Protein backbone atom coordinates (compact mmCIF):
# COMPACT_ATOMS: atom_id res chain seq x y z
CA MET A 1 67.80 80.00 -13.74
CA THR A 2 71.19 81.14 -13.43
CA THR A 3 71.26 80.73 -9.57
CA TYR A 4 69.58 77.28 -10.18
CA ILE A 5 72.28 75.96 -12.56
CA LEU A 6 75.07 77.44 -10.14
CA LYS A 7 73.62 75.32 -7.35
CA ARG A 8 73.50 72.16 -9.54
CA ILE A 9 77.14 72.55 -10.57
CA LEU A 10 78.20 72.93 -6.85
CA MET A 11 76.23 69.92 -6.03
CA LEU A 12 78.37 67.62 -8.41
CA PHE A 13 81.08 67.91 -6.01
CA PRO A 14 79.56 65.83 -3.00
CA LEU A 15 77.52 63.70 -5.34
CA MET A 16 80.79 62.68 -7.19
CA LEU A 17 82.72 61.92 -3.75
CA GLY A 18 79.67 59.62 -2.87
CA ILE A 19 79.60 57.91 -6.04
CA THR A 20 83.19 57.32 -5.96
CA LEU A 21 83.15 55.97 -2.26
CA ILE A 22 80.49 53.31 -3.20
CA THR A 23 82.01 52.38 -6.51
CA PHE A 24 85.67 51.91 -5.04
CA THR A 25 84.09 49.96 -2.02
CA VAL A 26 82.02 47.62 -4.14
CA ILE A 27 84.81 47.11 -6.72
CA HIS A 28 87.39 45.93 -3.93
CA LEU A 29 84.83 43.82 -2.21
CA ALA A 30 84.36 41.78 -5.35
CA PRO A 31 86.13 38.34 -5.24
CA GLY A 32 89.54 38.36 -6.62
CA GLU A 33 92.45 40.68 -6.58
CA PRO A 34 94.93 41.58 -9.35
CA VAL A 35 97.64 39.49 -7.84
CA GLU A 36 95.67 36.57 -7.75
CA MET A 37 94.62 36.99 -11.57
CA GLN A 38 98.19 37.64 -12.56
CA MET A 39 99.49 34.62 -10.94
CA ALA A 40 96.87 32.12 -10.93
CA MET A 41 98.56 30.38 -14.02
CA ASN A 42 102.05 30.11 -12.35
CA PRO A 43 101.97 27.53 -9.69
CA LYS A 44 105.56 28.40 -8.65
CA VAL A 45 104.92 31.80 -7.30
CA GLY A 46 105.24 31.66 -3.51
CA LYS A 47 103.36 33.67 -0.66
CA ASP A 48 106.34 35.92 -0.47
CA ALA A 49 106.11 37.11 -4.10
CA ARG A 50 102.36 37.58 -3.83
CA GLU A 51 102.83 40.30 -0.77
CA ARG A 52 105.44 41.80 -2.53
CA MET A 53 102.88 42.27 -5.48
CA ARG A 54 100.24 43.47 -2.98
CA LYS A 55 102.54 46.08 -1.50
CA PHE A 56 103.70 47.27 -4.98
CA TYR A 57 99.97 47.83 -5.95
CA GLY A 58 99.22 49.55 -2.52
CA LEU A 59 96.70 46.38 -1.71
CA ASP A 60 98.20 45.81 1.70
CA LYS A 61 97.03 49.12 2.94
CA PRO A 62 93.44 49.26 4.79
CA LEU A 63 90.65 50.19 2.29
CA HIS A 64 90.16 53.36 3.49
CA GLU A 65 93.79 54.47 3.30
CA GLN A 66 93.52 53.13 -0.45
CA TYR A 67 90.53 55.18 -0.99
CA VAL A 68 92.11 58.40 0.26
CA THR A 69 95.16 57.87 -1.67
CA TRP A 70 93.13 57.47 -4.82
CA VAL A 71 91.19 60.58 -4.15
CA GLY A 72 94.11 62.47 -3.73
CA ARG A 73 95.37 61.45 -6.96
CA LEU A 74 91.98 61.96 -8.51
CA VAL A 75 91.98 65.71 -7.35
CA ARG A 76 94.97 66.26 -9.42
CA LEU A 77 93.60 64.63 -12.52
CA ASP A 78 95.67 61.43 -11.90
CA LEU A 79 93.82 58.19 -12.29
CA GLY A 80 96.80 56.17 -11.27
CA THR A 81 98.74 53.48 -13.05
CA SER A 82 97.41 50.39 -14.70
CA PHE A 83 97.75 46.89 -12.87
CA SER A 84 98.37 45.41 -16.31
CA PRO A 85 101.81 44.19 -17.36
CA ASP A 86 102.45 47.48 -19.33
CA ASN A 87 101.97 49.77 -16.15
CA ARG A 88 100.97 52.42 -18.09
CA PRO A 89 99.15 55.56 -16.88
CA VAL A 90 95.40 54.98 -16.86
CA LEU A 91 94.84 58.46 -18.37
CA ASP A 92 97.07 57.53 -21.43
CA LYS A 93 95.05 54.57 -22.12
CA ILE A 94 91.87 56.03 -21.80
CA ARG A 95 93.15 59.02 -23.89
CA GLU A 96 94.07 56.63 -26.89
CA ARG A 97 90.55 54.84 -26.95
CA LEU A 98 88.46 57.70 -25.87
CA PRO A 99 88.07 59.18 -29.52
CA VAL A 100 87.10 55.67 -31.01
CA THR A 101 84.09 55.26 -28.61
CA LEU A 102 82.86 58.77 -28.73
CA SER A 103 82.94 58.74 -32.58
CA LEU A 104 80.84 55.54 -32.65
CA ASN A 105 78.60 56.26 -30.15
CA LEU A 106 78.16 59.88 -31.08
CA ILE A 107 77.20 58.62 -34.64
CA ALA A 108 74.98 55.88 -33.19
CA LEU A 109 73.19 58.74 -30.89
CA LEU A 110 72.70 60.89 -33.94
CA LEU A 111 71.26 58.10 -35.96
CA GLU A 112 68.87 57.21 -33.04
CA PHE A 113 67.23 60.50 -32.42
CA GLY A 114 67.39 61.48 -36.05
CA LEU A 115 65.19 58.47 -37.16
CA ALA A 116 63.20 58.04 -34.02
CA VAL A 117 61.65 61.45 -33.99
CA PRO A 118 60.14 61.21 -37.70
CA ILE A 119 59.25 57.46 -36.97
CA GLY A 120 57.27 58.45 -33.94
CA ILE A 121 55.58 61.45 -35.48
CA LEU A 122 54.48 58.96 -38.45
CA ALA A 123 53.28 56.57 -36.01
CA ALA A 124 51.23 59.21 -33.89
CA THR A 125 49.81 60.88 -36.99
CA HIS A 126 48.67 57.66 -38.45
CA ARG A 127 47.43 55.86 -35.40
CA ASP A 128 45.81 52.47 -35.88
CA THR A 129 46.72 52.46 -39.44
CA TRP A 130 48.81 49.62 -41.07
CA LEU A 131 52.04 51.96 -40.85
CA ASP A 132 51.52 52.34 -37.19
CA LYS A 133 51.07 48.56 -36.64
CA SER A 134 54.05 48.10 -38.84
CA ILE A 135 56.27 50.44 -36.75
CA THR A 136 54.87 48.60 -33.58
CA VAL A 137 56.11 45.43 -34.82
CA PHE A 138 59.49 46.89 -35.53
CA VAL A 139 59.68 48.32 -31.89
CA PHE A 140 58.66 44.92 -30.45
CA ILE A 141 61.51 43.30 -32.53
CA GLY A 142 63.79 45.96 -31.33
CA PHE A 143 62.88 45.40 -27.66
CA ALA A 144 63.17 41.58 -28.08
CA VAL A 145 66.45 41.05 -29.89
CA PRO A 146 69.50 40.62 -27.68
CA THR A 147 72.42 42.94 -28.67
CA PHE A 148 74.92 40.24 -28.67
CA TRP A 149 72.82 38.06 -30.78
CA LEU A 150 72.05 40.51 -33.19
CA ALA A 151 75.67 41.26 -33.57
CA LEU A 152 76.48 37.70 -34.14
CA LEU A 153 73.83 37.52 -36.84
CA LEU A 154 75.22 40.43 -38.73
CA MET A 155 78.60 39.09 -38.40
CA TYR A 156 77.63 35.62 -39.87
CA PHE A 157 75.20 36.85 -42.53
CA PHE A 158 77.00 40.02 -43.99
CA GLY A 159 80.63 38.98 -42.93
CA VAL A 160 80.77 35.29 -43.32
CA LYS A 161 77.80 34.13 -45.81
CA LEU A 162 77.98 37.53 -48.10
CA ASN A 163 81.41 38.69 -47.37
CA TRP A 164 80.20 42.24 -47.81
CA LEU A 165 81.68 43.62 -44.47
CA PRO A 166 84.57 42.92 -42.40
CA ILE A 167 83.54 41.34 -38.95
CA SER A 168 86.19 42.85 -36.51
CA GLY A 169 88.62 45.93 -36.09
CA LEU A 170 88.55 49.29 -37.73
CA HIS A 171 90.89 48.90 -40.56
CA THR A 172 92.07 46.14 -42.91
CA LEU A 173 95.52 45.25 -42.54
CA GLY A 174 97.67 47.12 -44.71
CA SER A 175 95.24 50.01 -45.05
CA ASP A 176 97.91 52.51 -44.08
CA GLY A 177 99.15 52.28 -47.69
CA TYR A 178 95.77 53.13 -49.09
CA GLY A 179 94.75 56.48 -50.66
CA THR A 180 92.42 58.76 -48.84
CA PHE A 181 89.24 57.80 -50.35
CA ARG A 182 89.77 54.08 -50.00
CA TYR A 183 90.94 54.40 -46.54
CA LEU A 184 87.99 56.16 -45.47
CA TRP A 185 85.61 53.71 -47.34
CA ASP A 186 87.48 50.96 -45.42
CA LEU A 187 86.51 52.53 -42.12
CA ALA A 188 83.18 53.15 -43.03
CA LYS A 189 82.65 49.32 -44.02
CA HIS A 190 84.15 48.50 -40.48
CA LEU A 191 81.72 50.85 -38.69
CA ILE A 192 78.64 49.69 -40.38
CA MET A 193 77.90 46.85 -38.25
CA PRO A 194 78.80 48.07 -34.91
CA ILE A 195 76.69 51.53 -35.63
CA MET A 196 73.61 49.13 -36.52
CA VAL A 197 74.01 47.16 -33.31
CA ALA A 198 74.50 50.09 -31.34
CA SER A 199 71.24 52.05 -32.71
CA PHE A 200 68.82 49.33 -33.27
CA GLY A 201 67.60 48.73 -29.72
CA SER A 202 67.54 52.32 -28.65
CA LEU A 203 65.79 53.39 -32.07
CA ALA A 204 62.89 51.19 -31.35
CA GLY A 205 62.69 52.45 -27.75
CA LEU A 206 62.86 56.06 -28.77
CA SER A 207 60.47 55.97 -31.63
CA ARG A 208 57.85 54.27 -29.47
CA TYR A 209 58.38 56.98 -26.74
CA MET A 210 58.07 59.52 -29.35
CA ARG A 211 54.68 58.27 -30.50
CA SER A 212 53.58 58.15 -27.06
CA THR A 213 54.33 61.70 -26.20
CA MET A 214 53.24 63.06 -29.66
CA LEU A 215 49.74 61.30 -29.01
CA ASN A 216 49.47 62.89 -25.41
CA VAL A 217 50.23 66.31 -26.96
CA ILE A 218 47.86 66.18 -30.19
CA GLY A 219 45.02 65.42 -27.47
CA GLN A 220 45.58 68.75 -25.82
CA ASP A 221 42.94 71.70 -26.00
CA TYR A 222 45.37 74.09 -27.65
CA ILE A 223 46.13 71.54 -30.54
CA THR A 224 42.33 71.47 -31.09
CA THR A 225 42.24 75.36 -30.84
CA ALA A 226 44.93 75.62 -33.39
CA ARG A 227 43.11 73.17 -35.77
CA ALA A 228 39.95 75.39 -35.24
CA LYS A 229 41.69 78.40 -36.41
CA GLY A 230 42.24 76.90 -39.67
CA LEU A 231 46.04 76.30 -39.40
CA SER A 232 47.15 73.37 -41.74
CA GLU A 233 48.05 69.98 -40.18
CA ARG A 234 51.74 70.36 -40.92
CA THR A 235 51.72 73.82 -38.96
CA VAL A 236 49.84 72.31 -36.36
CA ILE A 237 51.93 69.02 -36.00
CA TYR A 238 55.50 70.51 -36.62
CA LYS A 239 55.14 74.13 -35.09
CA HIS A 240 52.75 73.51 -31.97
CA ALA A 241 52.65 69.80 -31.11
CA LEU A 242 56.49 68.73 -31.81
CA ARG A 243 58.13 71.45 -29.56
CA ASN A 244 56.23 70.17 -26.27
CA ALA A 245 56.48 66.40 -27.49
CA LEU A 246 60.01 66.70 -27.66
CA LEU A 247 60.54 67.63 -23.81
CA PRO A 248 60.53 64.13 -22.71
CA LEU A 249 63.11 63.08 -25.14
CA ILE A 250 65.28 65.95 -23.90
CA THR A 251 65.70 63.93 -20.72
CA LEU A 252 66.75 60.80 -22.63
CA LEU A 253 69.24 62.88 -24.34
CA GLY A 254 70.74 63.96 -21.06
CA PHE A 255 70.85 60.48 -19.85
CA SER A 256 72.46 59.40 -23.15
CA ILE A 257 75.64 61.50 -22.65
CA PRO A 258 77.12 58.82 -20.39
CA GLY A 259 76.25 56.37 -23.02
CA LEU A 260 78.95 58.03 -25.29
CA ILE A 261 81.66 56.68 -23.22
CA GLY A 262 80.51 53.52 -21.28
CA GLY A 263 77.58 51.96 -23.56
CA SER A 264 79.57 50.14 -25.98
CA VAL A 265 81.04 47.35 -24.14
CA ILE A 266 78.99 44.54 -25.66
CA PHE A 267 79.51 45.56 -29.39
CA GLU A 268 83.14 46.57 -28.81
CA THR A 269 83.88 43.28 -27.44
CA ILE A 270 82.22 41.42 -30.17
CA PHE A 271 83.66 43.37 -33.09
CA ALA A 272 87.21 43.70 -31.36
CA ILE A 273 86.96 47.61 -31.58
CA PRO A 274 89.87 48.96 -29.61
CA GLY A 275 87.70 51.60 -27.69
CA MET A 276 86.53 52.27 -23.84
CA GLY A 277 84.21 49.64 -23.74
CA GLN A 278 86.67 46.87 -24.70
CA LEU A 279 89.08 48.42 -22.18
CA PHE A 280 86.42 48.34 -19.51
CA TYR A 281 85.82 44.53 -20.14
CA GLN A 282 89.30 43.82 -20.09
CA GLY A 283 89.98 45.70 -16.80
CA ALA A 284 87.08 44.14 -15.24
CA MET A 285 88.13 40.63 -16.19
CA SER A 286 91.94 41.17 -15.05
CA ARG A 287 90.69 43.04 -11.74
CA ASP A 288 92.52 46.40 -12.74
CA TYR A 289 90.89 48.40 -10.41
CA PRO A 290 92.58 52.00 -11.59
CA VAL A 291 91.36 51.38 -15.04
CA VAL A 292 87.96 50.27 -14.06
CA MET A 293 87.59 53.25 -11.46
CA GLY A 294 88.84 55.61 -13.94
CA ILE A 295 86.27 54.88 -16.50
CA LEU A 296 83.44 54.55 -13.89
CA VAL A 297 84.50 57.97 -12.63
CA ILE A 298 84.11 59.31 -16.12
CA GLY A 299 80.76 57.85 -16.76
CA ALA A 300 79.47 59.07 -13.34
CA PHE A 301 80.72 62.55 -14.26
CA LEU A 302 78.88 62.58 -17.53
CA THR A 303 75.80 61.22 -15.88
CA LEU A 304 75.53 64.21 -13.68
CA VAL A 305 76.65 66.59 -16.40
CA GLY A 306 73.65 64.93 -18.66
CA ASN A 307 71.31 65.74 -16.09
CA LEU A 308 72.20 69.19 -15.82
CA VAL A 309 72.36 69.42 -19.73
CA ALA A 310 68.71 68.18 -19.75
CA ASP A 311 67.60 70.64 -17.33
CA VAL A 312 68.91 73.47 -19.36
CA CYS A 313 67.45 72.12 -22.44
CA TYR A 314 64.11 71.88 -20.79
CA ALA A 315 64.38 75.65 -20.02
CA LEU A 316 65.39 76.51 -23.57
CA ALA A 317 62.42 74.57 -24.98
CA ASP A 318 59.76 75.73 -22.63
CA PRO A 319 59.50 79.28 -21.37
CA ARG A 320 57.64 78.44 -18.43
CA ILE A 321 60.54 76.79 -16.86
CA ARG A 322 62.75 80.11 -17.41
CA GLN A 323 60.05 81.94 -15.77
CA GLY A 324 59.76 79.67 -12.79
CA GLY A 325 63.70 79.44 -12.42
């Protein structure tokens, strides 16, 4: 197993190189350049000024030279300088917003898996009952409702009509002067709707997936044998069936790791939350190549790490995998 993990770690490097090459090429082939986006609203800007800006950003060089230069900086953990008017290092901009996005998505992820597992177990153990059918209706609603529409609906109902929750940002203006408890309560009120939006669709899908895998495990011969031995239904479900039913969810957990960074573009933009999702959206709209590439590289790296973590968790959950490794 150790040898397998080491091989997978070594494979990360060529995979990352291939991902960055494809991503870098696709982004630069997209219509529109940073210079055009910045000077489109100023008709007095001449051709010479545009060329000077292209040279300043290094866009006058061939694409392969730009890529080699970018990779050289990446090896030194330098993601370059943003094309935005502030010209700040991309790493500094990401470092400012990363804690916000990580906190939001980590809370949402824990909520999703913490609720999806028991909901899926309930649906599987009460198959074809009113409880199972009610959960099925909830799942279909979760699949059908678009994230942006749900966010706008919550903002209108809880924020505008009832005035219970704030509709944007992370803090109320002047909250720096609040006491500790009031400050945390203000932060919690700002996070309720974004976390609900981030969790709702995934919670529906994960609970359905958990129900399916649990039903498949319950139908196995060793579960029938455990029941024939006189074990309680609780012991059969939570000690024997649940461990094997969780294996497919471990894969989903590994794939959820990249979502901690890049899975919040929609709700961060709608709720005006200063996180990585909002930064990525702004960078894409302004053709800020260094910012977009920096966020995509982090997401790609986390995707590969997530796959590796899923494999390791498989081995921890199933002894047969450890023996096979």
